[in-house]
Amino acid sequence: MKTGTLYGIGVGPGDPELITLKAVKALENVDVVYSAASTKNRYSIAVEIVKPHLKNGIPILRLDFPMTRDPGVLNAAWSRNAGIVRETLHKGQDAALVTLGDPMTYSTFGYLMRTLKEESPELPVRVIPGITSYQAGAAAARRVLAEGEESLTVISGAMGPRTLRHVIDHTDNVVMLKVYRNYRDIMEALEDLDLSRHSVLVSRCGFDGEQIITNLEELPDQVPSYLSLLLIKKR
């Protein structure tokens, strides 16, 4: 029996108008939509973005993942969720896993795709790219990410400023995502590295309450939203 296809679909950074035509076309034809979420969060921005593009009555199902760094717990969760998706595909149904931004950039889809291909390599998977948060943030701030022969490095701030300190001597421009949790430590690192005056914080880009802050000295003690990123130029 013909199996279904899994589509990893990036729905953009949050602005509903920044979803691609290719993503909309795929969403109009799938039979099941999955969204990945933590076990503590019941709301999905990605699902709200795609709802207008879905067939009436299509199932929208959550894939829950625990908030932990324990590899054993995480691997078990990926395997369990890959099994749920596999059952759908074996019924001949096409499924989409929707994710904010791009499916191949700091996305839960990458883990699910890798697990599914390891356990069921015969199942077809297609990926539809999406506009990332930092592309949207750069456009909103009118900030060129890189030009000429400049380099651009994209890093995560989830574990603090350690990666920034490691890469800054080897790149011209840095995008730091996930700055919310370790915000104060990251701000101190920018000061130490003399990067504050060359940096822009973009928060809630494309949402109500969007903020673009070019003078980091005006920032409060806590970053406005977990949907925040930094655009850093070394010179």
Protein backbone atom coordinates (compact mmCIF):
# COMPACT_ATOMS: atom_id res chain seq x y z
CA MET A 1 0.00 0.00 0.00
CA LYS A 2 1.24 3.50 -0.85
CA THR A 3 2.45 5.37 2.22
CA GLY A 4 1.87 9.01 2.97
CA THR A 5 4.52 11.72 3.00
CA LEU A 6 5.66 13.78 5.97
CA TYR A 7 6.09 17.48 5.23
CA GLY A 8 8.22 19.61 7.52
CA ILE A 9 6.76 23.06 6.97
CA GLY A 10 8.24 26.33 8.16
CA VAL A 11 5.43 28.84 8.61
CA GLY A 12 7.63 31.90 9.05
CA PRO A 13 8.54 34.04 12.07
CA GLY A 14 5.01 34.74 13.30
CA ASP A 15 3.49 37.24 10.89
CA PRO A 16 0.71 35.24 9.12
CA GLU A 17 1.52 37.00 5.84
CA LEU A 18 5.09 35.65 5.82
CA ILE A 19 4.13 32.04 5.15
CA THR A 20 5.22 30.94 1.66
CA LEU A 21 2.93 29.99 -1.21
CA LYS A 22 4.57 26.57 -1.34
CA ALA A 23 3.76 25.99 2.33
CA VAL A 24 0.13 27.04 1.81
CA LYS A 25 -0.25 24.69 -1.14
CA ALA A 26 1.07 21.75 0.85
CA LEU A 27 -1.13 22.55 3.86
CA GLU A 28 -4.22 22.60 1.67
CA ASN A 29 -3.63 18.96 0.73
CA VAL A 30 -2.34 17.16 3.83
CA ASP A 31 -4.61 14.91 5.90
CA VAL A 32 -3.14 15.47 9.38
CA VAL A 33 -1.27 18.39 10.96
CA TYR A 34 1.14 17.93 13.85
CA SER A 35 2.68 20.58 16.05
CA ALA A 36 5.56 20.07 18.46
CA ALA A 37 5.17 21.66 21.86
CA SER A 38 6.53 21.35 25.35
CA THR A 39 4.42 19.49 27.88
CA LYS A 40 3.97 22.81 29.75
CA ASN A 41 2.61 24.81 26.79
CA ARG A 42 -0.82 24.20 25.26
CA TYR A 43 -0.72 27.06 22.73
CA SER A 44 0.93 26.92 19.30
CA ILE A 45 1.59 30.07 17.28
CA ALA A 46 2.44 27.90 14.26
CA VAL A 47 -0.97 26.21 14.39
CA GLU A 48 -2.78 29.56 14.56
CA ILE A 49 -0.90 30.68 11.44
CA VAL A 50 -1.84 27.63 9.37
CA LYS A 51 -5.48 27.19 10.41
CA PRO A 52 -6.89 29.38 7.61
CA HIS A 53 -5.11 27.21 5.03
CA LEU A 54 -6.35 23.79 6.18
CA LYS A 55 -9.19 21.62 4.93
CA ASN A 56 -12.32 21.67 7.06
CA GLY A 57 -12.22 19.11 9.86
CA ILE A 58 -8.56 18.19 9.47
CA PRO A 59 -7.08 16.74 12.69
CA ILE A 60 -4.55 18.98 14.42
CA LEU A 61 -2.52 16.92 16.88
CA ARG A 62 0.15 17.84 19.41
CA LEU A 63 3.43 16.01 19.78
CA ASP A 64 4.50 16.59 23.38
CA PHE A 65 8.13 16.79 24.38
CA PRO A 66 9.47 17.08 27.92
CA MET A 67 11.49 20.13 28.96
CA THR A 68 14.70 18.33 29.86
CA ARG A 69 18.27 17.83 28.65
CA ASP A 70 18.33 14.20 29.74
CA PRO A 71 19.28 12.35 26.52
CA GLY A 72 17.48 9.17 27.54
CA VAL A 73 14.20 10.97 28.17
CA LEU A 74 14.55 13.01 24.98
CA ASN A 75 15.36 10.01 22.78
CA ALA A 76 12.36 8.16 24.17
CA ALA A 77 10.14 11.14 23.37
CA TRP A 78 11.45 11.42 19.81
CA SER A 79 10.96 7.71 19.24
CA ARG A 80 7.42 7.83 20.64
CA ASN A 81 6.46 10.78 18.47
CA ALA A 82 8.08 9.30 15.39
CA GLY A 83 5.91 6.23 15.99
CA ILE A 84 2.78 8.39 16.06
CA VAL A 85 3.69 10.01 12.75
CA ARG A 86 4.66 6.64 11.26
CA GLU A 87 1.19 5.23 11.97
CA THR A 88 -0.35 8.13 10.04
CA LEU A 89 1.94 7.66 7.04
CA HIS A 90 1.35 3.90 6.97
CA LYS A 91 -2.36 4.62 6.56
CA GLY A 92 -1.53 6.36 3.30
CA GLN A 93 -2.20 9.80 4.78
CA ASP A 94 0.02 12.80 4.20
CA ALA A 95 1.03 14.69 7.35
CA ALA A 96 2.61 18.05 8.09
CA LEU A 97 4.64 19.06 11.09
CA VAL A 98 4.43 22.85 11.31
CA THR A 99 7.09 24.93 12.97
CA LEU A 100 7.84 28.61 13.40
CA GLY A 101 10.66 29.93 11.27
CA ASP A 102 12.49 27.33 9.23
CA PRO A 103 12.30 23.55 9.81
CA MET A 104 16.06 23.13 9.45
CA THR A 105 17.13 25.96 11.79
CA TYR A 106 16.93 25.29 15.56
CA SER A 107 13.70 23.35 15.01
CA THR A 108 12.17 20.31 16.65
CA PHE A 109 11.44 19.00 13.17
CA GLY A 110 15.09 18.09 12.62
CA TYR A 111 15.06 15.66 15.55
CA LEU A 112 11.81 14.07 14.42
CA MET A 113 13.01 13.73 10.83
CA ARG A 114 16.27 12.10 11.90
CA THR A 115 14.50 9.63 14.21
CA LEU A 116 11.90 8.74 11.59
CA LYS A 117 14.55 8.15 8.92
CA GLU A 118 16.58 5.98 11.30
CA GLU A 119 13.60 3.83 12.28
CA SER A 120 11.68 3.85 8.98
CA PRO A 121 13.99 4.95 6.14
CA GLU A 122 11.43 3.95 3.51
CA LEU A 123 8.99 6.71 4.49
CA PRO A 124 9.18 9.84 2.31
CA VAL A 125 9.95 13.19 3.93
CA ARG A 126 9.85 16.60 2.26
CA VAL A 127 10.94 19.91 3.74
CA ILE A 128 9.45 23.30 2.88
CA PRO A 129 11.69 26.13 4.13
CA GLY A 130 10.37 29.14 5.98
CA ILE A 131 11.45 32.70 6.68
CA THR A 132 13.46 32.77 9.91
CA SER A 133 12.96 35.10 12.85
CA TYR A 134 16.31 36.77 12.25
CA GLN A 135 15.53 37.46 8.59
CA ALA A 136 12.29 39.12 9.65
CA GLY A 137 14.07 40.93 12.49
CA ALA A 138 16.76 42.29 10.18
CA ALA A 139 14.09 43.54 7.77
CA ALA A 140 12.12 45.21 10.57
CA ALA A 141 15.25 46.88 11.94
CA ARG A 142 16.53 47.69 8.42
CA ARG A 143 19.78 46.07 9.49
CA VAL A 144 21.97 44.41 6.83
CA LEU A 145 23.00 40.97 8.08
CA ALA A 146 26.10 40.64 5.87
CA GLU A 147 27.47 42.21 2.71
CA GLY A 148 30.50 41.98 0.46
CA GLU A 149 32.94 39.44 1.87
CA GLU A 150 31.58 39.61 5.42
CA SER A 151 30.76 36.43 7.32
CA LEU A 152 27.60 35.72 9.31
CA THR A 153 27.34 33.33 12.25
CA VAL A 154 24.03 32.21 13.76
CA ILE A 155 24.20 30.99 17.36
CA SER A 156 21.91 30.16 20.26
CA GLY A 157 21.98 32.04 23.56
CA ALA A 158 20.07 29.30 25.37
CA MET A 159 23.18 28.39 27.36
CA GLY A 160 24.39 31.96 27.83
CA PRO A 161 27.17 33.97 26.13
CA ARG A 162 29.81 31.24 25.99
CA THR A 163 29.34 30.57 22.26
CA LEU A 164 29.42 34.27 21.47
CA ARG A 165 32.80 34.64 23.19
CA HIS A 166 34.06 31.64 21.22
CA VAL A 167 33.00 32.76 17.73
CA ILE A 168 33.35 36.54 17.83
CA ASP A 169 37.04 36.51 16.83
CA HIS A 170 36.22 34.46 13.73
CA THR A 171 33.22 36.26 12.23
CA ASP A 172 32.03 39.72 11.19
CA ASN A 173 28.37 39.50 12.16
CA VAL A 174 26.44 37.42 14.67
CA VAL A 175 22.79 36.56 15.07
CA MET A 176 22.02 35.32 18.58
CA LEU A 177 18.70 33.60 19.06
CA LYS A 178 17.09 32.48 22.32
CA VAL A 179 18.46 35.35 24.42
CA TYR A 180 15.60 35.40 26.92
CA ARG A 181 16.73 32.99 29.63
CA ASN A 182 20.31 34.27 30.01
CA TYR A 183 19.62 37.84 29.03
CA ARG A 184 21.63 39.58 31.77
CA ASP A 185 24.73 37.43 31.25
CA ILE A 186 24.55 38.06 27.50
CA MET A 187 24.26 41.83 28.00
CA GLU A 188 27.32 41.78 30.26
CA ALA A 189 29.26 39.81 27.64
CA LEU A 190 28.36 42.39 24.97
CA GLU A 191 29.74 45.11 27.23
CA ASP A 192 32.93 43.14 27.93
CA LEU A 193 33.47 42.55 24.20
CA ASP A 194 32.68 46.19 23.30
CA LEU A 195 29.76 45.08 21.13
CA SER A 196 26.81 46.82 22.78
CA ARG A 197 26.90 49.91 20.55
CA HIS A 198 26.92 47.71 17.44
CA SER A 199 24.01 45.52 18.53
CA VAL A 200 20.25 45.65 18.06
CA LEU A 201 17.66 43.73 20.07
CA VAL A 202 14.50 42.72 18.22
CA SER A 203 11.62 41.43 20.33
CA ARG A 204 8.24 40.03 19.22
CA CYS A 205 8.96 40.79 15.58
CA GLY A 206 5.71 40.81 13.59
CA PHE A 207 3.53 40.59 16.71
CA ASP A 208 1.69 43.14 18.79
CA GLY A 209 4.23 44.79 21.06
CA GLU A 210 7.11 44.53 18.59
CA GLN A 211 10.21 46.30 19.87
CA ILE A 212 13.41 47.25 18.05
CA ILE A 213 15.98 48.58 20.50
CA THR A 214 19.17 50.10 19.11
CA ASN A 215 20.42 51.58 22.37
CA LEU A 216 20.95 48.61 24.66
CA GLU A 217 21.60 50.91 27.61
CA GLU A 218 17.85 51.64 27.59
CA LEU A 219 16.92 48.00 28.10
CA PRO A 220 15.09 46.94 31.25
CA ASP A 221 16.51 44.36 33.63
CA GLN A 222 14.58 41.64 31.80
CA VAL A 223 14.22 41.21 28.05
CA PRO A 224 10.64 41.96 26.95
CA SER A 225 9.78 38.55 25.51
CA TYR A 226 11.14 35.05 24.96
CA LEU A 227 10.64 35.88 21.25
CA SER A 228 13.79 38.02 21.28
CA LEU A 229 17.03 37.99 19.32
CA LEU A 230 20.18 40.03 18.90
CA LEU A 231 21.77 41.32 15.70
CA ILE A 232 25.45 41.97 16.43
CA LYS A 233 28.03 43.64 14.20
CA LYS A 234 31.65 43.49 15.24
CA ARG A 235 32.53 46.70 13.39
